[in-house]
Amino acid sequence: MAKTATKVQEYLGTGRRKSSTARVRLREGTGKIRINGRELEDYFPNLQHRKRILEPLELVEMQEKVDIRVRVRGGGMTGQADAVRLGIARALKAYNEEFHRPLRQAGMLTVDARVVERKKYGLHKARRATQFSKR
């Protein structure tokens, strides 16, 4: 007896922010979001991070229509939250090309490329020099 597996269509999106990288898999479903195998509320206890992550879904009114699985690595919580947000926006665009315009206008498809500036030798920090003394 041959087993026939029905392949569910998945849409992928990658998001990066600071030193965080998120790989997002989006499929039709009931609105469940799992990040690194944990529920959204468990992984991001901070309400502001959760709101930021859900912004692209709320913008295109898809929060109850898709299930999302995310693998996120590196950085801190804010960087990870922004990486997940960008990944979700890109996956939504792959799911339906008509979402491109509203997501772009809301700035959710734009990569925030700012990273920490490296420390230079002879300075205390990236730009902080030693205190100047006249005498």
C-alpha atoms as a PDB file:
ATOM      1  CA  MET A   1       0.000   0.000   0.000  1.00  0.00           C
ATOM      2  CA  ALA A   2       1.584   3.240  -1.182  1.00  0.00           C
ATOM      3  CA  LYS A   3       1.387   6.229   1.085  1.00  0.00           C
ATOM      4  CA  THR A   4       0.582   9.498  -0.677  1.00  0.00           C
ATOM      5  CA  ALA A   5       1.793  12.592   1.095  1.00  0.00           C
ATOM      6  CA  THR A   6       0.015  15.789   0.246  1.00  0.00           C
ATOM      7  CA  LYS A   7       2.600  18.565   0.182  1.00  0.00           C
ATOM      8  CA  VAL A   8       1.341  21.745   1.782  1.00  0.00           C
ATOM      9  CA  GLN A   9       2.458  24.902  -0.030  1.00  0.00           C
ATOM     10  CA  GLU A  10       4.913  26.918   2.102  1.00  0.00           C
ATOM     11  CA  TYR A  11       6.111  30.444   1.450  1.00  0.00           C
ATOM     12  CA  LEU A  12       9.540  31.475   2.676  1.00  0.00           C
ATOM     13  CA  GLY A  13      10.894  34.806   3.851  1.00  0.00           C
ATOM     14  CA  THR A  14      14.236  35.777   5.346  1.00  0.00           C
ATOM     15  CA  GLY A  15      14.661  38.742   7.646  1.00  0.00           C
ATOM     16  CA  ARG A  16      17.802  40.306   9.077  1.00  0.00           C
ATOM     17  CA  ARG A  17      18.386  43.048  11.630  1.00  0.00           C
ATOM     18  CA  LYS A  18      21.632  43.913  13.449  1.00  0.00           C
ATOM     19  CA  SER A  19      23.179  40.460  14.003  1.00  0.00           C
ATOM     20  CA  SER A  20      19.876  38.519  13.966  1.00  0.00           C
ATOM     21  CA  THR A  21      18.619  36.309  11.151  1.00  0.00           C
ATOM     22  CA  ALA A  22      15.104  34.885  10.902  1.00  0.00           C
ATOM     23  CA  ARG A  23      13.916  32.199   8.477  1.00  0.00           C
ATOM     24  CA  VAL A  24      10.121  32.310   8.171  1.00  0.00           C
ATOM     25  CA  ARG A  25       7.828  29.597   6.765  1.00  0.00           C
ATOM     26  CA  LEU A  26       4.248  30.648   6.094  1.00  0.00           C
ATOM     27  CA  ARG A  27       1.364  28.328   5.168  1.00  0.00           C
ATOM     28  CA  GLU A  28      -2.415  28.538   5.180  1.00  0.00           C
ATOM     29  CA  GLY A  29      -3.861  27.752   8.580  1.00  0.00           C
ATOM     30  CA  THR A  30      -5.534  29.170  11.677  1.00  0.00           C
ATOM     31  CA  GLY A  31      -3.148  31.873  12.917  1.00  0.00           C
ATOM     32  CA  LYS A  32      -0.605  29.908  14.999  1.00  0.00           C
ATOM     33  CA  ILE A  33       2.878  31.409  15.290  1.00  0.00           C
ATOM     34  CA  ARG A  34       5.785  29.296  16.572  1.00  0.00           C
ATOM     35  CA  ILE A  35       9.268  30.722  17.039  1.00  0.00           C
ATOM     36  CA  ASN A  36      12.129  28.270  17.628  1.00  0.00           C
ATOM     37  CA  GLY A  37       9.542  25.658  18.637  1.00  0.00           C
ATOM     38  CA  ARG A  38       7.853  27.919  21.217  1.00  0.00           C
ATOM     39  CA  GLU A  39       4.673  29.995  21.159  1.00  0.00           C
ATOM     40  CA  LEU A  40       4.959  33.685  20.266  1.00  0.00           C
ATOM     41  CA  GLU A  41       3.996  34.767  23.810  1.00  0.00           C
ATOM     42  CA  ASP A  42       6.625  32.474  25.369  1.00  0.00           C
ATOM     43  CA  TYR A  43       9.480  33.540  23.114  1.00  0.00           C
ATOM     44  CA  PHE A  44       8.665  37.272  23.121  1.00  0.00           C
ATOM     45  CA  PRO A  45       7.118  38.139  26.512  1.00  0.00           C
ATOM     46  CA  ASN A  46       7.454  41.862  25.741  1.00  0.00           C
ATOM     47  CA  LEU A  47       4.177  43.227  24.302  1.00  0.00           C
ATOM     48  CA  GLN A  48       5.957  45.795  22.089  1.00  0.00           C
ATOM     49  CA  HIS A  49       8.004  43.060  20.392  1.00  0.00           C
ATOM     50  CA  ARG A  50       4.861  40.975  19.763  1.00  0.00           C
ATOM     51  CA  LYS A  51       3.002  43.991  18.316  1.00  0.00           C
ATOM     52  CA  ARG A  52       5.940  44.752  16.021  1.00  0.00           C
ATOM     53  CA  ILE A  53       5.988  41.148  14.770  1.00  0.00           C
ATOM     54  CA  LEU A  54       2.235  41.080  14.091  1.00  0.00           C
ATOM     55  CA  GLU A  55       2.154  44.425  12.200  1.00  0.00           C
ATOM     56  CA  PRO A  56       2.519  42.971   8.669  1.00  0.00           C
ATOM     57  CA  LEU A  57      -0.200  40.367   9.326  1.00  0.00           C
ATOM     58  CA  GLU A  58      -2.604  42.979  10.674  1.00  0.00           C
ATOM     59  CA  LEU A  59      -1.884  45.341   7.769  1.00  0.00           C
ATOM     60  CA  VAL A  60      -3.004  42.788   5.162  1.00  0.00           C
ATOM     61  CA  GLU A  61      -5.601  41.183   7.500  1.00  0.00           C
ATOM     62  CA  MET A  62      -4.097  37.691   7.454  1.00  0.00           C
ATOM     63  CA  GLN A  63      -3.551  37.064  11.210  1.00  0.00           C
ATOM     64  CA  GLU A  64      -6.220  34.310  11.404  1.00  0.00           C
ATOM     65  CA  LYS A  65      -5.583  32.809   7.951  1.00  0.00           C
ATOM     66  CA  VAL A  66      -1.942  31.656   8.051  1.00  0.00           C
ATOM     67  CA  ASP A  67       0.302  29.581  10.312  1.00  0.00           C
ATOM     68  CA  ILE A  68       3.891  30.738  10.728  1.00  0.00           C
ATOM     69  CA  ARG A  69       7.007  28.847  11.823  1.00  0.00           C
ATOM     70  CA  VAL A  70      10.187  30.810  12.472  1.00  0.00           C
ATOM     71  CA  ARG A  71      13.825  29.880  13.150  1.00  0.00           C
ATOM     72  CA  VAL A  72      15.646  32.917  14.510  1.00  0.00           C
ATOM     73  CA  ARG A  73      19.293  33.156  15.616  1.00  0.00           C
ATOM     74  CA  GLY A  74      21.729  35.767  16.844  1.00  0.00           C
ATOM     75  CA  GLY A  75      21.442  39.159  18.461  1.00  0.00           C
ATOM     76  CA  GLY A  76      19.065  40.304  21.160  1.00  0.00           C
ATOM     77  CA  MET A  77      15.312  40.412  21.481  1.00  0.00           C
ATOM     78  CA  THR A  78      14.727  43.688  19.595  1.00  0.00           C
ATOM     79  CA  GLY A  79      16.947  42.638  16.683  1.00  0.00           C
ATOM     80  CA  GLN A  80      15.245  39.244  16.542  1.00  0.00           C
ATOM     81  CA  ALA A  81      11.767  40.797  16.642  1.00  0.00           C
ATOM     82  CA  ASP A  82      12.602  43.113  13.737  1.00  0.00           C
ATOM     83  CA  ALA A  83      14.182  40.242  11.779  1.00  0.00           C
ATOM     84  CA  VAL A  84      11.019  38.143  12.257  1.00  0.00           C
ATOM     85  CA  ARG A  85       8.853  41.105  11.165  1.00  0.00           C
ATOM     86  CA  LEU A  86      10.821  41.535   7.921  1.00  0.00           C
ATOM     87  CA  GLY A  87      10.745  37.774   7.288  1.00  0.00           C
ATOM     88  CA  ILE A  88       6.963  37.644   7.758  1.00  0.00           C
ATOM     89  CA  ALA A  89       6.479  40.611   5.408  1.00  0.00           C
ATOM     90  CA  ARG A  90       8.611  38.936   2.732  1.00  0.00           C
ATOM     91  CA  ALA A  91       6.780  35.621   3.139  1.00  0.00           C
ATOM     92  CA  LEU A  92       3.413  37.416   2.814  1.00  0.00           C
ATOM     93  CA  LYS A  93       4.662  39.035  -0.395  1.00  0.00           C
ATOM     94  CA  ALA A  94       5.629  35.590  -1.730  1.00  0.00           C
ATOM     95  CA  TYR A  95       2.180  34.290  -0.707  1.00  0.00           C
ATOM     96  CA  ASN A  96       0.331  37.045  -2.575  1.00  0.00           C
ATOM     97  CA  GLU A  97       2.053  39.591  -4.823  1.00  0.00           C
ATOM     98  CA  GLU A  98      -0.828  42.066  -4.235  1.00  0.00           C
ATOM     99  CA  PHE A  99       0.473  42.571  -0.675  1.00  0.00           C
ATOM    100  CA  HIS A 100       3.643  44.200  -2.034  1.00  0.00           C
ATOM    101  CA  ARG A 101       2.206  47.722  -2.335  1.00  0.00           C
ATOM    102  CA  PRO A 102       0.690  48.075   1.173  1.00  0.00           C
ATOM    103  CA  LEU A 103       3.698  46.403   2.821  1.00  0.00           C
ATOM    104  CA  ARG A 104       6.137  48.631   0.909  1.00  0.00           C
ATOM    105  CA  GLN A 105       4.170  51.801   1.722  1.00  0.00           C
ATOM    106  CA  ALA A 106       4.182  50.886   5.425  1.00  0.00           C
ATOM    107  CA  GLY A 107       7.967  50.408   5.251  1.00  0.00           C
ATOM    108  CA  MET A 108       7.846  46.727   6.189  1.00  0.00           C
ATOM    109  CA  LEU A 109       9.867  45.466   3.218  1.00  0.00           C
ATOM    110  CA  THR A 110      12.744  47.877   3.843  1.00  0.00           C
ATOM    111  CA  VAL A 111      15.832  46.408   5.507  1.00  0.00           C
ATOM    112  CA  ASP A 112      17.148  48.410   8.458  1.00  0.00           C
ATOM    113  CA  ALA A 113      20.868  48.031   7.717  1.00  0.00           C
ATOM    114  CA  ARG A 114      22.169  49.812  10.822  1.00  0.00           C
ATOM    115  CA  VAL A 115      24.692  47.759  12.774  1.00  0.00           C
ATOM    116  CA  VAL A 116      26.963  48.497  15.736  1.00  0.00           C
ATOM    117  CA  GLU A 117      30.022  50.498  14.745  1.00  0.00           C
ATOM    118  CA  ARG A 118      33.296  48.784  15.558  1.00  0.00           C
ATOM    119  CA  LYS A 119      35.638  50.044  18.263  1.00  0.00           C
ATOM    120  CA  LYS A 120      38.783  51.777  16.941  1.00  0.00           C
ATOM    121  CA  TYR A 121      42.213  51.509  18.539  1.00  0.00           C
ATOM    122  CA  GLY A 122      43.300  54.533  20.579  1.00  0.00           C
ATOM    123  CA  LEU A 123      39.675  55.253  21.579  1.00  0.00           C
ATOM    124  CA  HIS A 124      37.557  54.092  24.509  1.00  0.00           C
ATOM    125  CA  LYS A 125      34.596  53.134  22.304  1.00  0.00           C
ATOM    126  CA  ALA A 126      33.808  53.509  18.606  1.00  0.00           C
ATOM    127  CA  ARG A 127      34.045  57.316  18.813  1.00  0.00           C
ATOM    128  CA  ARG A 128      34.700  58.194  22.453  1.00  0.00           C
ATOM    129  CA  ALA A 129      38.244  59.536  22.824  1.00  0.00           C
ATOM    130  CA  THR A 130      40.234  60.136  25.983  1.00  0.00           C
ATOM    131  CA  GLN A 131      39.470  63.319  27.888  1.00  0.00           C
ATOM    132  CA  PHE A 132      41.461  66.341  26.710  1.00  0.00           C
ATOM    133  CA  SER A 133      43.622  68.059  29.313  1.00  0.00           C
ATOM    134  CA  LYS A 134      45.070  71.517  28.738  1.00  0.00           C
ATOM    135  CA  ARG A 135      47.738  71.138  31.438  1.00  0.00           C
END
